[in-house]
Every structure is written in structure tokens, then in C-alpha cells.
Amino acid sequence: MALEVVRPDGTVEPVELTVDAANELVASAERTARAAGLGWDREPLALKAAPKLIALIKKSRAEAMTGAGGDED
């Protein structure tokens, strides 16, 4: 996987990140967050889409299957 840092001026710098380096970055972020008084949950967070979002996705997929709702140029 290729990673890049995109700077505010638009320049791009390729970055190599090993698994060990990624793990250390996360550990460092946790230490920094805790030192700043922020919480850091180690347990996975289960996310659930809101019913309105689910309905919109279903509608979008149905329209895509019928060709409805496309760009009208």
C-alpha cells in the first residue's frame, strides 16, 4: 500500500510505513491523548447506520439499477 503526506501547499511526499511503525504511531497517539486528558477506548467501536441513511442507500441503489436519478446534462 502506498501512503503519501499531502502538504498544505499541495506538494506530496511518499511515506513508507511498516506494521511496527504504524503500531508505534498508534501507541504514541494514545499516550499523547491520555496526557492531554482525552479518553482512548481500546475496545472496538460498533457503528450502526441511522435508518434514514439506510433508506437513502437503498433508494440510491434502486435508482442505479433502473437508470433513474442520473445526471441530466
PDB file of N, CA and C in Angstrom:
ATOM      1  N   MET A   1       0.850  -1.172   0.000  1.00  0.00           N
ATOM      2  CA  MET A   1       0.000   0.000   0.000  1.00  0.00           C
ATOM      3  C   MET A   1       0.894   1.234   0.000  1.00  0.00           C
ATOM      4  N   ALA A   2       0.561   2.191  -0.835  1.00  0.00           N
ATOM      5  CA  ALA A   2       1.326   3.424  -0.919  1.00  0.00           C
ATOM      6  C   ALA A   2       0.660   4.499  -0.068  1.00  0.00           C
ATOM      7  N   LEU A   3       1.455   5.157   0.751  1.00  0.00           N
ATOM      8  CA  LEU A   3       0.978   6.263   1.568  1.00  0.00           C
ATOM      9  C   LEU A   3       1.714   7.523   1.165  1.00  0.00           C
ATOM     10  N   GLU A   4       1.002   8.633   1.244  1.00  0.00           N
ATOM     11  CA  GLU A   4       1.611   9.918   0.922  1.00  0.00           C
ATOM     12  C   GLU A   4       1.153  10.964   1.928  1.00  0.00           C
ATOM     13  N   VAL A   5       2.045  11.890   2.219  1.00  0.00           N
ATOM     14  CA  VAL A   5       1.699  13.066   3.006  1.00  0.00           C
ATOM     15  C   VAL A   5       1.459  14.178   2.005  1.00  0.00           C
ATOM     16  N   VAL A   6       0.268  14.770   2.053  1.00  0.00           N
ATOM     17  CA  VAL A   6      -0.049  15.886   1.171  1.00  0.00           C
ATOM     18  C   VAL A   6       0.026  17.156   2.014  1.00  0.00           C
ATOM     19  N   ARG A   7       0.952  17.999   1.689  1.00  0.00           N
ATOM     20  CA  ARG A   7       1.189  19.220   2.450  1.00  0.00           C
ATOM     21  C   ARG A   7       0.188  20.301   2.047  1.00  0.00           C
ATOM     22  N   PRO A   8       0.010  21.324   2.905  1.00  0.00           N
ATOM     23  CA  PRO A   8      -0.938  22.410   2.589  1.00  0.00           C
ATOM     24  C   PRO A   8      -0.652  23.111   1.271  1.00  0.00           C
ATOM     25  N   ASP A   9       0.606  23.123   0.838  1.00  0.00           N
ATOM     26  CA  ASP A   9       0.929  23.793  -0.422  1.00  0.00           C
ATOM     27  C   ASP A   9       0.718  22.880  -1.636  1.00  0.00           C
ATOM     28  N   GLY A  10       0.232  21.653  -1.385  1.00  0.00           N
ATOM     29  CA  GLY A  10      -0.062  20.729  -2.472  1.00  0.00           C
ATOM     30  C   GLY A  10       1.057  19.772  -2.810  1.00  0.00           C
ATOM     31  N   THR A  11       2.243  19.974  -2.235  1.00  0.00           N
ATOM     32  CA  THR A  11       3.327  19.041  -2.506  1.00  0.00           C
ATOM     33  C   THR A  11       3.029  17.707  -1.827  1.00  0.00           C
ATOM     34  N   VAL A  12       3.554  16.650  -2.437  1.00  0.00           N
ATOM     35  CA  VAL A  12       3.290  15.297  -1.964  1.00  0.00           C
ATOM     36  C   VAL A  12       4.615  14.623  -1.620  1.00  0.00           C
ATOM     37  N   GLU A  13       4.615  13.945  -0.485  1.00  0.00           N
ATOM     38  CA  GLU A  13       5.818  13.236  -0.048  1.00  0.00           C
ATOM     39  C   GLU A  13       5.451  11.773   0.207  1.00  0.00           C
ATOM     40  N   PRO A  14       6.055  10.827  -0.553  1.00  0.00           N
ATOM     41  CA  PRO A  14       5.771   9.421  -0.301  1.00  0.00           C
ATOM     42  C   PRO A  14       6.292   9.008   1.078  1.00  0.00           C
ATOM     43  N   VAL A  15       5.570   8.124   1.737  1.00  0.00           N
ATOM     44  CA  VAL A  15       5.947   7.675   3.070  1.00  0.00           C
ATOM     45  C   VAL A  15       5.887   6.156   3.112  1.00  0.00           C
ATOM     46  N   GLU A  16       6.931   5.542   3.650  1.00  0.00           N
ATOM     47  CA  GLU A  16       6.912   4.105   3.869  1.00  0.00           C
ATOM     48  C   GLU A  16       6.542   3.863   5.322  1.00  0.00           C
ATOM     49  N   LEU A  17       5.601   2.953   5.541  1.00  0.00           N
ATOM     50  CA  LEU A  17       5.143   2.695   6.895  1.00  0.00           C
ATOM     51  C   LEU A  17       5.049   1.193   7.098  1.00  0.00           C
ATOM     52  N   THR A  18       5.884   0.688   7.985  1.00  0.00           N
ATOM     53  CA  THR A  18       5.835  -0.738   8.314  1.00  0.00           C
ATOM     54  C   THR A  18       4.754  -0.971   9.354  1.00  0.00           C
ATOM     55  N   VAL A  19       4.415  -2.212   9.569  1.00  0.00           N
ATOM     56  CA  VAL A  19       3.423  -2.551  10.589  1.00  0.00           C
ATOM     57  C   VAL A  19       3.921  -2.101  11.961  1.00  0.00           C
ATOM     58  N   ASP A  20       5.189  -2.338  12.238  1.00  0.00           N
ATOM     59  CA  ASP A  20       5.751  -1.933  13.534  1.00  0.00           C
ATOM     60  C   ASP A  20       5.694  -0.416  13.707  1.00  0.00           C
ATOM     61  N   ALA A  21       6.013   0.322  12.642  1.00  0.00           N
ATOM     62  CA  ALA A  21       5.982   1.780  12.722  1.00  0.00           C
ATOM     63  C   ALA A  21       4.545   2.274  12.904  1.00  0.00           C
ATOM     64  N   ALA A  22       3.584   1.636  12.235  1.00  0.00           N
ATOM     65  CA  ALA A  22       2.180   2.019  12.381  1.00  0.00           C
ATOM     66  C   ALA A  22       1.712   1.763  13.809  1.00  0.00           C
ATOM     67  N   ASN A  23       2.093   0.618  14.359  1.00  0.00           N
ATOM     68  CA  ASN A  23       1.730   0.312  15.744  1.00  0.00           C
ATOM     69  C   ASN A  23       2.318   1.327  16.714  1.00  0.00           C
ATOM     70  N   GLU A  24       3.536   1.759  16.469  1.00  0.00           N
ATOM     71  CA  GLU A  24       4.157   2.750  17.345  1.00  0.00           C
ATOM     72  C   GLU A  24       3.471   4.103  17.209  1.00  0.00           C
ATOM     73  N   LEU A  25       3.046   4.465  16.002  1.00  0.00           N
ATOM     74  CA  LEU A  25       2.312   5.716  15.818  1.00  0.00           C
ATOM     75  C   LEU A  25       1.009   5.709  16.615  1.00  0.00           C
ATOM     76  N   VAL A  26       0.297   4.594  16.589  1.00  0.00           N
ATOM     77  CA  VAL A  26      -0.952   4.491  17.340  1.00  0.00           C
ATOM     78  C   VAL A  26      -0.665   4.549  18.842  1.00  0.00           C
ATOM     79  N   ALA A  27       0.359   3.850  19.280  1.00  0.00           N
ATOM     80  CA  ALA A  27       0.721   3.875  20.700  1.00  0.00           C
ATOM     81  C   ALA A  27       1.116   5.285  21.130  1.00  0.00           C
ATOM     82  N   SER A  28       1.849   5.984  20.283  1.00  0.00           N
ATOM     83  CA  SER A  28       2.241   7.363  20.581  1.00  0.00           C
ATOM     84  C   SER A  28       1.021   8.274  20.646  1.00  0.00           C
ATOM     85  N   ALA A  29       0.088   8.076  19.716  1.00  0.00           N
ATOM     86  CA  ALA A  29      -1.140   8.874  19.726  1.00  0.00           C
ATOM     87  C   ALA A  29      -1.932   8.625  21.003  1.00  0.00           C
ATOM     88  N   GLU A  30      -1.984   7.375  21.441  1.00  0.00           N
ATOM     89  CA  GLU A  30      -2.693   7.051  22.680  1.00  0.00           C
ATOM     90  C   GLU A  30      -2.033   7.746  23.873  1.00  0.00           C
ATOM     91  N   ARG A  31      -0.722   7.662  23.958  1.00  0.00           N
ATOM     92  CA  ARG A  31      -0.011   8.316  25.074  1.00  0.00           C
ATOM     93  C   ARG A  31      -0.256   9.822  25.069  1.00  0.00           C
ATOM     94  N   THR A  32      -0.187  10.431  23.900  1.00  0.00           N
ATOM     95  CA  THR A  32      -0.388  11.871  23.776  1.00  0.00           C
ATOM     96  C   THR A  32      -1.822  12.255  24.154  1.00  0.00           C
ATOM     97  N   ALA A  33      -2.787  11.465  23.702  1.00  0.00           N
ATOM     98  CA  ALA A  33      -4.188  11.744  24.023  1.00  0.00           C
ATOM     99  C   ALA A  33      -4.422  11.639  25.528  1.00  0.00           C
ATOM    100  N   ARG A  34      -3.903  10.589  26.121  1.00  0.00           N
ATOM    101  CA  ARG A  34      -4.089  10.411  27.571  1.00  0.00           C
ATOM    102  C   ARG A  34      -3.406  11.544  28.355  1.00  0.00           C
ATOM    103  N   ALA A  35      -2.223  11.953  27.912  1.00  0.00           N
ATOM    104  CA  ALA A  35      -1.502  13.038  28.589  1.00  0.00           C
ATOM    105  C   ALA A  35      -2.284  14.349  28.496  1.00  0.00           C
ATOM    106  N   ALA A  36      -3.072  14.499  27.435  1.00  0.00           N
ATOM    107  CA  ALA A  36      -3.879  15.707  27.250  1.00  0.00           C
ATOM    108  C   ALA A  36      -5.241  15.581  27.937  1.00  0.00           C
ATOM    109  N   GLY A  37      -5.458  14.448  28.614  1.00  0.00           N
ATOM    110  CA  GLY A  37      -6.711  14.257  29.328  1.00  0.00           C
ATOM    111  C   GLY A  37      -7.848  13.730  28.465  1.00  0.00           C
ATOM    112  N   LEU A  38      -7.513  13.239  27.289  1.00  0.00           N
ATOM    113  CA  LEU A  38      -8.532  12.692  26.399  1.00  0.00           C
ATOM    114  C   LEU A  38      -8.662  11.190  26.629  1.00  0.00           C
ATOM    115  N   GLY A  39      -9.850  10.680  26.422  1.00  0.00           N
ATOM    116  CA  GLY A  39     -10.064   9.246  26.568  1.00  0.00           C
ATOM    117  C   GLY A  39      -9.548   8.483  25.363  1.00  0.00           C
ATOM    118  N   TRP A  40      -9.341   7.207  25.555  1.00  0.00           N
ATOM    119  CA  TRP A  40      -8.862   6.367  24.469  1.00  0.00           C
ATOM    120  C   TRP A  40      -9.391   4.957  24.722  1.00  0.00           C
ATOM    121  N   ASP A  41     -10.451   4.585  24.026  1.00  0.00           N
ATOM    122  CA  ASP A  41     -11.037   3.264  24.197  1.00  0.00           C
ATOM    123  C   ASP A  41     -10.251   2.244  23.396  1.00  0.00           C
ATOM    124  N   ARG A  42      -9.905   1.141  24.040  1.00  0.00           N
ATOM    125  CA  ARG A  42      -9.173   0.083  23.358  1.00  0.00           C
ATOM    126  C   ARG A  42     -10.111  -0.930  22.713  1.00  0.00           C
ATOM    127  N   GLU A  43     -11.354  -0.951  23.141  1.00  0.00           N
ATOM    128  CA  GLU A  43     -12.314  -1.905  22.598  1.00  0.00           C
ATOM    129  C   GLU A  43     -12.843  -1.409  21.249  1.00  0.00           C
ATOM    130  N   PRO A  44     -13.135  -2.350  20.349  1.00  0.00           N
ATOM    131  CA  PRO A  44     -13.692  -1.947  19.049  1.00  0.00           C
ATOM    132  C   PRO A  44     -15.010  -1.196  19.233  1.00  0.00           C
ATOM    133  N   LEU A  45     -15.240  -0.250  18.366  1.00  0.00           N
ATOM    134  CA  LEU A  45     -16.449   0.549  18.397  1.00  0.00           C
ATOM    135  C   LEU A  45     -17.378   0.059  17.288  1.00  0.00           C
ATOM    136  N   ALA A  46     -18.558  -0.412  17.665  1.00  0.00           N
ATOM    137  CA  ALA A  46     -19.525  -0.885  16.674  1.00  0.00           C
ATOM    138  C   ALA A  46     -20.383   0.293  16.226  1.00  0.00           C
ATOM    139  N   LEU A  47     -20.346   0.580  14.943  1.00  0.00           N
ATOM    140  CA  LEU A  47     -21.130   1.675  14.385  1.00  0.00           C
ATOM    141  C   LEU A  47     -22.351   1.106  13.685  1.00  0.00           C
ATOM    142  N   LYS A  48     -23.456   1.825  13.772  1.00  0.00           N
ATOM    143  CA  LYS A  48     -24.685   1.393  13.129  1.00  0.00           C
ATOM    144  C   LYS A  48     -25.261   2.582  12.366  1.00  0.00           C
ATOM    145  N   ALA A  49     -25.558   2.351  11.087  1.00  0.00           N
ATOM    146  CA  ALA A  49     -26.095   3.419  10.253  1.00  0.00           C
ATOM    147  C   ALA A  49     -27.495   3.800  10.730  1.00  0.00           C
ATOM    148  N   ALA A  50     -27.800   5.081  10.654  1.00  0.00           N
ATOM    149  CA  ALA A  50     -29.128   5.576  11.009  1.00  0.00           C
ATOM    150  C   ALA A  50     -30.140   5.060   9.979  1.00  0.00           C
ATOM    151  N   PRO A  51     -31.361   4.813  10.410  1.00  0.00           N
ATOM    152  CA  PRO A  51     -32.388   4.322   9.479  1.00  0.00           C
ATOM    153  C   PRO A  51     -32.545   5.208   8.241  1.00  0.00           C
ATOM    154  N   LYS A  52     -32.439   6.531   8.393  1.00  0.00           N
ATOM    155  CA  LYS A  52     -32.571   7.438   7.243  1.00  0.00           C
ATOM    156  C   LYS A  52     -31.452   7.183   6.230  1.00  0.00           C
ATOM    157  N   LEU A  53     -30.233   6.942   6.711  1.00  0.00           N
ATOM    158  CA  LEU A  53     -29.117   6.665   5.810  1.00  0.00           C
ATOM    159  C   LEU A  53     -29.343   5.348   5.076  1.00  0.00           C
ATOM    160  N   ILE A  54     -29.812   4.342   5.785  1.00  0.00           N
ATOM    161  CA  ILE A  54     -30.088   3.048   5.159  1.00  0.00           C
ATOM    162  C   ILE A  54     -31.126   3.212   4.056  1.00  0.00           C
ATOM    163  N   ALA A  55     -32.180   3.973   4.329  1.00  0.00           N
ATOM    164  CA  ALA A  55     -33.223   4.205   3.328  1.00  0.00           C
ATOM    165  C   ALA A  55     -32.664   4.926   2.106  1.00  0.00           C
ATOM    166  N   LEU A  56     -31.808   5.913   2.323  1.00  0.00           N
ATOM    167  CA  LEU A  56     -31.212   6.649   1.199  1.00  0.00           C
ATOM    168  C   LEU A  56     -30.327   5.749   0.352  1.00  0.00           C
ATOM    169  N   ILE A  57     -29.569   4.879   1.000  1.00  0.00           N
ATOM    170  CA  ILE A  57     -28.697   3.958   0.259  1.00  0.00           C
ATOM    171  C   ILE A  57     -29.542   3.001  -0.575  1.00  0.00           C
ATOM    172  N   LYS A  58     -30.601   2.461   0.028  1.00  0.00           N
ATOM    173  CA  LYS A  58     -31.487   1.555  -0.709  1.00  0.00           C
ATOM    174  C   LYS A  58     -32.112   2.262  -1.909  1.00  0.00           C
ATOM    175  N   LYS A  59     -32.555   3.496  -1.706  1.00  0.00           N
ATOM    176  CA  LYS A  59     -33.155   4.260  -2.797  1.00  0.00           C
ATOM    177  C   LYS A  59     -32.137   4.513  -3.902  1.00  0.00           C
ATOM    178  N   SER A  60     -30.926   4.881  -3.517  1.00  0.00           N
ATOM    179  CA  SER A  60     -29.874   5.142  -4.491  1.00  0.00           C
ATOM    180  C   SER A  60     -29.561   3.897  -5.305  1.00  0.00           C
ATOM    181  N   ARG A  61     -29.477   2.752  -4.635  1.00  0.00           N
ATOM    182  CA  ARG A  61     -29.186   1.502  -5.342  1.00  0.00           C
ATOM    183  C   ARG A  61     -30.325   1.129  -6.287  1.00  0.00           C
ATOM    184  N   ALA A  62     -31.566   1.326  -5.845  1.00  0.00           N
ATOM    185  CA  ALA A  62     -32.711   1.018  -6.698  1.00  0.00           C
ATOM    186  C   ALA A  62     -32.700   1.907  -7.933  1.00  0.00           C
ATOM    187  N   GLU A  63     -32.414   3.190  -7.755  1.00  0.00           N
ATOM    188  CA  GLU A  63     -32.357   4.114  -8.893  1.00  0.00           C
ATOM    189  C   GLU A  63     -31.211   3.761  -9.823  1.00  0.00           C
ATOM    190  N   ALA A  64     -30.105   3.311  -9.267  1.00  0.00           N
ATOM    191  CA  ALA A  64     -28.961   2.927 -10.094  1.00  0.00           C
ATOM    192  C   ALA A  64     -29.304   1.710 -10.955  1.00  0.00           C
ATOM    193  N   MET A  65     -30.087   0.797 -10.397  1.00  0.00           N
ATOM    194  CA  MET A  65     -30.475  -0.408 -11.141  1.00  0.00           C
ATOM    195  C   MET A  65     -31.426  -0.083 -12.296  1.00  0.00           C
ATOM    196  N   THR A  66     -32.253   0.938 -12.129  1.00  0.00           N
ATOM    197  CA  THR A  66     -33.224   1.301 -13.168  1.00  0.00           C
ATOM    198  C   THR A  66     -32.713   2.405 -14.076  1.00  0.00           C
ATOM    199  N   GLY A  67     -31.592   3.009 -13.709  1.00  0.00           N
ATOM    200  CA  GLY A  67     -31.036   4.091 -14.506  1.00  0.00           C
ATOM    201  C   GLY A  67     -31.655   5.431 -14.178  1.00  0.00           C
ATOM    202  N   ALA A  68     -32.507   5.487 -13.180  1.00  0.00           N
ATOM    203  CA  ALA A  68     -33.148   6.736 -12.783  1.00  0.00           C
ATOM    204  C   ALA A  68     -32.214   7.557 -11.910  1.00  0.00           C
ATOM    205  N   GLY A  69     -32.455   8.859 -11.873  1.00  0.00           N
ATOM    206  CA  GLY A  69     -31.712   9.723 -10.956  1.00  0.00           C
ATOM    207  C   GLY A  69     -30.321  10.075 -11.415  1.00  0.00           C
ATOM    208  N   GLY A  70     -29.993   9.819 -12.670  1.00  0.00           N
ATOM    209  CA  GLY A  70     -28.664  10.140 -13.163  1.00  0.00           C
ATOM    210  C   GLY A  70     -28.500  11.605 -13.488  1.00  0.00           C
ATOM    211  N   ASP A  71     -27.309  11.973 -13.933  1.00  0.00           N
ATOM    212  CA  ASP A  71     -27.044  13.373 -14.331  1.00  0.00           C
ATOM    213  C   ASP A  71     -27.835  13.686 -15.590  1.00  0.00           C
ATOM    214  N   GLU A  72     -28.402  14.865 -15.591  1.00  0.00           N
ATOM    215  CA  GLU A  72     -29.171  15.300 -16.747  1.00  0.00           C
ATOM    216  C   GLU A  72     -28.512  16.516 -17.357  1.00  0.00           C
ATOM    217  N   ASP A  73     -27.648  16.277 -18.341  1.00  0.00           N
ATOM    218  CA  ASP A  73     -26.914  17.380 -18.986  1.00  0.00           C
ATOM    219  C   ASP A  73     -27.640  17.915 -20.163  1.00  0.00           C
TER     220      ASP A  73
END
